[in-house]
Amino acid sequence: MTRDKEWQRREAEARIRQVLDAAKARGAQRILDTDGSYDITFVPKKQSLEQLFSRPGPLPDDDD
């Protein structure tokens, strides 16, 4: 059974598509490793104003 938000490294490697899909659909996913952890996030290329202003923190640069 997969867990939302936290994955063991071996499980994440075996299910990388599920990890990426979960990051896109449900937010950041954490992959636990023996030396620390990885946080996987999805950042859409274009966002609506509602999405943009609903997030805390500074606005990202859009110089792409």
PDB file of N, CA and C in Angstrom:
ATOM      1  N   MET A   1       0.848  -1.193   0.000  1.00  0.00           N
ATOM      2  CA  MET A   1       0.000   0.000   0.000  1.00  0.00           C
ATOM      3  C   MET A   1       0.884   1.245   0.000  1.00  0.00           C
ATOM      4  N   THR A   2       0.592   2.202  -0.861  1.00  0.00           N
ATOM      5  CA  THR A   2       1.392   3.423  -0.915  1.00  0.00           C
ATOM      6  C   THR A   2       0.876   4.424   0.101  1.00  0.00           C
ATOM      7  N   ARG A   3       1.767   5.288   0.508  1.00  0.00           N
ATOM      8  CA  ARG A   3       1.428   6.329   1.468  1.00  0.00           C
ATOM      9  C   ARG A   3       1.500   7.671   0.763  1.00  0.00           C
ATOM     10  N   ASP A   4       0.543   8.536   1.029  1.00  0.00           N
ATOM     11  CA  ASP A   4       0.648   9.904   0.543  1.00  0.00           C
ATOM     12  C   ASP A   4       1.691  10.624   1.387  1.00  0.00           C
ATOM     13  N   LYS A   5       2.463  11.449   0.729  1.00  0.00           N
ATOM     14  CA  LYS A   5       3.425  12.345   1.366  1.00  0.00           C
ATOM     15  C   LYS A   5       4.768  11.705   1.709  1.00  0.00           C
ATOM     16  N   GLU A   6       4.848  10.458   2.184  1.00  0.00           N
ATOM     17  CA  GLU A   6       6.129   9.860   2.554  1.00  0.00           C
ATOM     18  C   GLU A   6       6.337   8.504   1.903  1.00  0.00           C
ATOM     19  N   TRP A   7       7.520   8.309   1.364  1.00  0.00           N
ATOM     20  CA  TRP A   7       7.874   7.067   0.686  1.00  0.00           C
ATOM     21  C   TRP A   7       9.265   6.641   1.155  1.00  0.00           C
ATOM     22  N   GLN A   8       9.480   5.366   1.305  1.00  0.00           N
ATOM     23  CA  GLN A   8      10.833   4.853   1.494  1.00  0.00           C
ATOM     24  C   GLN A   8      11.527   4.898   0.131  1.00  0.00           C
ATOM     25  N   ARG A   9      12.833   5.090   0.111  1.00  0.00           N
ATOM     26  CA  ARG A   9      13.548   5.253  -1.156  1.00  0.00           C
ATOM     27  C   ARG A   9      13.320   4.083  -2.117  1.00  0.00           C
ATOM     28  N   ARG A  10      13.428   2.851  -1.636  1.00  0.00           N
ATOM     29  CA  ARG A  10      13.248   1.687  -2.511  1.00  0.00           C
ATOM     30  C   ARG A  10      11.849   1.675  -3.131  1.00  0.00           C
ATOM     31  N   GLU A  11      10.861   1.989  -2.317  1.00  0.00           N
ATOM     32  CA  GLU A  11       9.488   2.035  -2.809  1.00  0.00           C
ATOM     33  C   GLU A  11       9.330   3.141  -3.852  1.00  0.00           C
ATOM     34  N   ALA A  12       9.905   4.320  -3.583  1.00  0.00           N
ATOM     35  CA  ALA A  12       9.817   5.434  -4.518  1.00  0.00           C
ATOM     36  C   ALA A  12      10.508   5.107  -5.837  1.00  0.00           C
ATOM     37  N   GLU A  13      11.645   4.442  -5.770  1.00  0.00           N
ATOM     38  CA  GLU A  13      12.348   4.057  -6.995  1.00  0.00           C
ATOM     39  C   GLU A  13      11.498   3.092  -7.823  1.00  0.00           C
ATOM     40  N   ALA A  14      10.844   2.173  -7.163  1.00  0.00           N
ATOM     41  CA  ALA A  14      10.016   1.187  -7.862  1.00  0.00           C
ATOM     42  C   ALA A  14       8.716   1.800  -8.395  1.00  0.00           C
ATOM     43  N   ARG A  15       8.268   2.876  -7.779  1.00  0.00           N
ATOM     44  CA  ARG A  15       6.982   3.480  -8.131  1.00  0.00           C
ATOM     45  C   ARG A  15       7.125   4.959  -8.493  1.00  0.00           C
ATOM     46  N   ILE A  16       8.188   5.305  -9.208  1.00  0.00           N
ATOM     47  CA  ILE A  16       8.481   6.713  -9.466  1.00  0.00           C
ATOM     48  C   ILE A  16       7.313   7.437 -10.144  1.00  0.00           C
ATOM     49  N   ARG A  17       6.627   6.773 -11.051  1.00  0.00           N
ATOM     50  CA  ARG A  17       5.474   7.428 -11.702  1.00  0.00           C
ATOM     51  C   ARG A  17       4.386   7.772 -10.694  1.00  0.00           C
ATOM     52  N   GLN A  18       4.145   6.887  -9.743  1.00  0.00           N
ATOM     53  CA  GLN A  18       3.138   7.162  -8.713  1.00  0.00           C
ATOM     54  C   GLN A  18       3.578   8.319  -7.816  1.00  0.00           C
ATOM     55  N   VAL A  19       4.858   8.377  -7.499  1.00  0.00           N
ATOM     56  CA  VAL A  19       5.381   9.480  -6.685  1.00  0.00           C
ATOM     57  C   VAL A  19       5.164  10.808  -7.421  1.00  0.00           C
ATOM     58  N   LEU A  20       5.527  10.838  -8.698  1.00  0.00           N
ATOM     59  CA  LEU A  20       5.372  12.066  -9.478  1.00  0.00           C
ATOM     60  C   LEU A  20       3.907  12.448  -9.652  1.00  0.00           C
ATOM     61  N   ASP A  21       3.053  11.469  -9.920  1.00  0.00           N
ATOM     62  CA  ASP A  21       1.621  11.743 -10.049  1.00  0.00           C
ATOM     63  C   ASP A  21       1.036  12.260  -8.737  1.00  0.00           C
ATOM     64  N   ALA A  22       1.476  11.688  -7.617  1.00  0.00           N
ATOM     65  CA  ALA A  22       0.989  12.129  -6.304  1.00  0.00           C
ATOM     66  C   ALA A  22       1.445  13.558  -6.022  1.00  0.00           C
ATOM     67  N   ALA A  23       2.673  13.897  -6.399  1.00  0.00           N
ATOM     68  CA  ALA A  23       3.160  15.268  -6.203  1.00  0.00           C
ATOM     69  C   ALA A  23       2.329  16.249  -7.020  1.00  0.00           C
ATOM     70  N   LYS A  24       1.955  15.847  -8.213  1.00  0.00           N
ATOM     71  CA  LYS A  24       1.149  16.719  -9.076  1.00  0.00           C
ATOM     72  C   LYS A  24      -0.278  16.864  -8.543  1.00  0.00           C
ATOM     73  N   ALA A  25      -0.862  15.771  -8.089  1.00  0.00           N
ATOM     74  CA  ALA A  25      -2.263  15.778  -7.660  1.00  0.00           C
ATOM     75  C   ALA A  25      -2.468  16.213  -6.211  1.00  0.00           C
ATOM     76  N   ARG A  26      -1.546  15.842  -5.320  1.00  0.00           N
ATOM     77  CA  ARG A  26      -1.785  16.041  -3.887  1.00  0.00           C
ATOM     78  C   ARG A  26      -0.734  16.871  -3.166  1.00  0.00           C
ATOM     79  N   GLY A  27       0.269  17.345  -3.891  1.00  0.00           N
ATOM     80  CA  GLY A  27       1.279  18.179  -3.230  1.00  0.00           C
ATOM     81  C   GLY A  27       2.566  17.421  -2.963  1.00  0.00           C
ATOM     82  N   ALA A  28       3.459  18.073  -2.249  1.00  0.00           N
ATOM     83  CA  ALA A  28       4.813  17.571  -2.036  1.00  0.00           C
ATOM     84  C   ALA A  28       4.832  16.159  -1.472  1.00  0.00           C
ATOM     85  N   GLN A  29       5.770  15.380  -1.977  1.00  0.00           N
ATOM     86  CA  GLN A  29       5.988  14.012  -1.522  1.00  0.00           C
ATOM     87  C   GLN A  29       7.398  13.938  -0.950  1.00  0.00           C
ATOM     88  N   ARG A  30       7.573  13.230   0.132  1.00  0.00           N
ATOM     89  CA  ARG A  30       8.884  13.084   0.762  1.00  0.00           C
ATOM     90  C   ARG A  30       9.388  11.671   0.545  1.00  0.00           C
ATOM     91  N   ILE A  31      10.626  11.577   0.094  1.00  0.00           N
ATOM     92  CA  ILE A  31      11.289  10.281  -0.066  1.00  0.00           C
ATOM     93  C   ILE A  31      12.350  10.188   1.014  1.00  0.00           C
ATOM     94  N   LEU A  32      12.218   9.182   1.871  1.00  0.00           N
ATOM     95  CA  LEU A  32      13.142   9.000   2.983  1.00  0.00           C
ATOM     96  C   LEU A  32      14.328   8.158   2.542  1.00  0.00           C
ATOM     97  N   ASP A  33      15.528   8.621   2.861  1.00  0.00           N
ATOM     98  CA  ASP A  33      16.777   7.956   2.518  1.00  0.00           C
ATOM     99  C   ASP A  33      17.567   7.756   3.806  1.00  0.00           C
ATOM    100  N   THR A  34      18.542   6.903   3.795  1.00  0.00           N
ATOM    101  CA  THR A  34      19.324   6.661   5.015  1.00  0.00           C
ATOM    102  C   THR A  34      20.088   7.903   5.462  1.00  0.00           C
ATOM    103  N   ASP A  35      20.440   8.792   4.531  1.00  0.00           N
ATOM    104  CA  ASP A  35      21.211   9.991   4.874  1.00  0.00           C
ATOM    105  C   ASP A  35      20.367  11.247   5.009  1.00  0.00           C
ATOM    106  N   GLY A  36      19.073  11.150   4.785  1.00  0.00           N
ATOM    107  CA  GLY A  36      18.203  12.321   4.833  1.00  0.00           C
ATOM    108  C   GLY A  36      16.930  12.071   4.056  1.00  0.00           C
ATOM    109  N   SER A  37      16.434  13.106   3.412  1.00  0.00           N
ATOM    110  CA  SER A  37      15.200  12.953   2.641  1.00  0.00           C
ATOM    111  C   SER A  37      15.207  13.888   1.437  1.00  0.00           C
ATOM    112  N   TYR A  38      14.360  13.553   0.480  1.00  0.00           N
ATOM    113  CA  TYR A  38      14.122  14.368  -0.709  1.00  0.00           C
ATOM    114  C   TYR A  38      12.685  14.833  -0.662  1.00  0.00           C
ATOM    115  N   ASP A  39      12.435  16.071  -1.019  1.00  0.00           N
ATOM    116  CA  ASP A  39      11.077  16.572  -1.154  1.00  0.00           C
ATOM    117  C   ASP A  39      10.811  16.786  -2.637  1.00  0.00           C
ATOM    118  N   ILE A  40       9.796  16.099  -3.155  1.00  0.00           N
ATOM    119  CA  ILE A  40       9.437  16.169  -4.561  1.00  0.00           C
ATOM    120  C   ILE A  40       8.198  17.045  -4.687  1.00  0.00           C
ATOM    121  N   THR A  41       8.304  18.116  -5.462  1.00  0.00           N
ATOM    122  CA  THR A  41       7.167  18.999  -5.682  1.00  0.00           C
ATOM    123  C   THR A  41       6.933  19.190  -7.175  1.00  0.00           C
ATOM    124  N   PHE A  42       5.707  19.464  -7.520  1.00  0.00           N
ATOM    125  CA  PHE A  42       5.337  19.767  -8.902  1.00  0.00           C
ATOM    126  C   PHE A  42       5.027  21.254  -8.975  1.00  0.00           C
ATOM    127  N   VAL A  43       5.640  21.934  -9.933  1.00  0.00           N
ATOM    128  CA  VAL A  43       5.386  23.357 -10.148  1.00  0.00           C
ATOM    129  C   VAL A  43       4.841  23.515 -11.560  1.00  0.00           C
ATOM    130  N   PRO A  44       3.554  23.854 -11.704  1.00  0.00           N
ATOM    131  CA  PRO A  44       2.987  24.007 -13.037  1.00  0.00           C
ATOM    132  C   PRO A  44       3.640  25.166 -13.774  1.00  0.00           C
ATOM    133  N   LYS A  45       3.701  25.043 -15.072  1.00  0.00           N
ATOM    134  CA  LYS A  45       4.327  26.074 -15.898  1.00  0.00           C
ATOM    135  C   LYS A  45       3.552  27.389 -15.832  1.00  0.00           C
ATOM    136  N   LYS A  46       2.248  27.326 -15.938  1.00  0.00           N
ATOM    137  CA  LYS A  46       1.392  28.519 -15.847  1.00  0.00           C
ATOM    138  C   LYS A  46       0.373  28.302 -14.739  1.00  0.00           C
ATOM    139  N   GLN A  47       0.094  29.369 -13.997  1.00  0.00           N
ATOM    140  CA  GLN A  47      -0.862  29.280 -12.900  1.00  0.00           C
ATOM    141  C   GLN A  47      -1.902  30.392 -13.049  1.00  0.00           C
ATOM    142  N   SER A  48      -3.100  30.090 -12.568  1.00  0.00           N
ATOM    143  CA  SER A  48      -4.123  31.134 -12.524  1.00  0.00           C
ATOM    144  C   SER A  48      -3.777  32.087 -11.377  1.00  0.00           C
ATOM    145  N   LEU A  49      -4.348  33.275 -11.407  1.00  0.00           N
ATOM    146  CA  LEU A  49      -4.100  34.215 -10.312  1.00  0.00           C
ATOM    147  C   LEU A  49      -4.562  33.646  -8.973  1.00  0.00           C
ATOM    148  N   GLU A  50      -5.674  32.939  -8.995  1.00  0.00           N
ATOM    149  CA  GLU A  50      -6.181  32.326  -7.764  1.00  0.00           C
ATOM    150  C   GLU A  50      -5.159  31.346  -7.193  1.00  0.00           C
ATOM    151  N   GLN A  51      -4.589  30.494  -8.040  1.00  0.00           N
ATOM    152  CA  GLN A  51      -3.573  29.546  -7.589  1.00  0.00           C
ATOM    153  C   GLN A  51      -2.323  30.275  -7.109  1.00  0.00           C
ATOM    154  N   LEU A  52      -1.924  31.285  -7.846  1.00  0.00           N
ATOM    155  CA  LEU A  52      -0.712  32.020  -7.524  1.00  0.00           C
ATOM    156  C   LEU A  52      -0.803  32.701  -6.168  1.00  0.00           C
ATOM    157  N   PHE A  53      -1.926  33.358  -5.890  1.00  0.00           N
ATOM    158  CA  PHE A  53      -2.063  34.095  -4.641  1.00  0.00           C
ATOM    159  C   PHE A  53      -2.547  33.240  -3.473  1.00  0.00           C
ATOM    160  N   SER A  54      -2.896  31.989  -3.715  1.00  0.00           N
ATOM    161  CA  SER A  54      -3.328  31.128  -2.616  1.00  0.00           C
ATOM    162  C   SER A  54      -2.147  30.486  -1.898  1.00  0.00           C
ATOM    163  N   ARG A  55      -0.966  30.583  -2.483  1.00  0.00           N
ATOM    164  CA  ARG A  55       0.230  29.988  -1.867  1.00  0.00           C
ATOM    165  C   ARG A  55       0.946  31.008  -0.991  1.00  0.00           C
ATOM    166  N   PRO A  56       1.437  30.569   0.164  1.00  0.00           N
ATOM    167  CA  PRO A  56       2.186  31.481   1.019  1.00  0.00           C
ATOM    168  C   PRO A  56       3.584  31.732   0.460  1.00  0.00           C
ATOM    169  N   GLY A  57       4.189  32.800   0.895  1.00  0.00           N
ATOM    170  CA  GLY A  57       5.577  33.066   0.518  1.00  0.00           C
ATOM    171  C   GLY A  57       5.705  33.977  -0.678  1.00  0.00           C
ATOM    172  N   PRO A  58       6.955  34.252  -1.045  1.00  0.00           N
ATOM    173  CA  PRO A  58       7.203  35.158  -2.170  1.00  0.00           C
ATOM    174  C   PRO A  58       6.799  34.544  -3.496  1.00  0.00           C
ATOM    175  N   LEU A  59       6.508  35.385  -4.455  1.00  0.00           N
ATOM    176  CA  LEU A  59       6.159  34.917  -5.792  1.00  0.00           C
ATOM    177  C   LEU A  59       7.418  34.477  -6.523  1.00  0.00           C
ATOM    178  N   PRO A  60       7.350  33.378  -7.269  1.00  0.00           N
ATOM    179  CA  PRO A  60       8.530  32.931  -8.025  1.00  0.00           C
ATOM    180  C   PRO A  60       8.797  33.843  -9.218  1.00  0.00           C
ATOM    181  N   ASP A  61      10.053  33.920  -9.617  1.00  0.00           N
ATOM    182  CA  ASP A  61      10.399  34.687 -10.819  1.00  0.00           C
ATOM    183  C   ASP A  61       9.826  33.969 -12.029  1.00  0.00           C
ATOM    184  N   ASP A  62       9.296  34.715 -12.983  1.00  0.00           N
ATOM    185  CA  ASP A  62       8.726  34.116 -14.190  1.00  0.00           C
ATOM    186  C   ASP A  62       9.491  34.622 -15.400  1.00  0.00           C
ATOM    187  N   ASP A  63      10.820  34.450 -15.363  1.00  0.00           N
ATOM    188  CA  ASP A  63      11.678  34.942 -16.436  1.00  0.00           C
ATOM    189  C   ASP A  63      11.958  33.889 -17.495  1.00  0.00           C
ATOM    190  N   ASP A  64      11.237  32.746 -17.467  1.00  0.00           N
ATOM    191  CA  ASP A  64      11.506  31.671 -18.424  1.00  0.00           C
ATOM    192  C   ASP A  64      11.167  32.059 -19.827  1.00  0.00           C
TER     193      ASP A  64
END
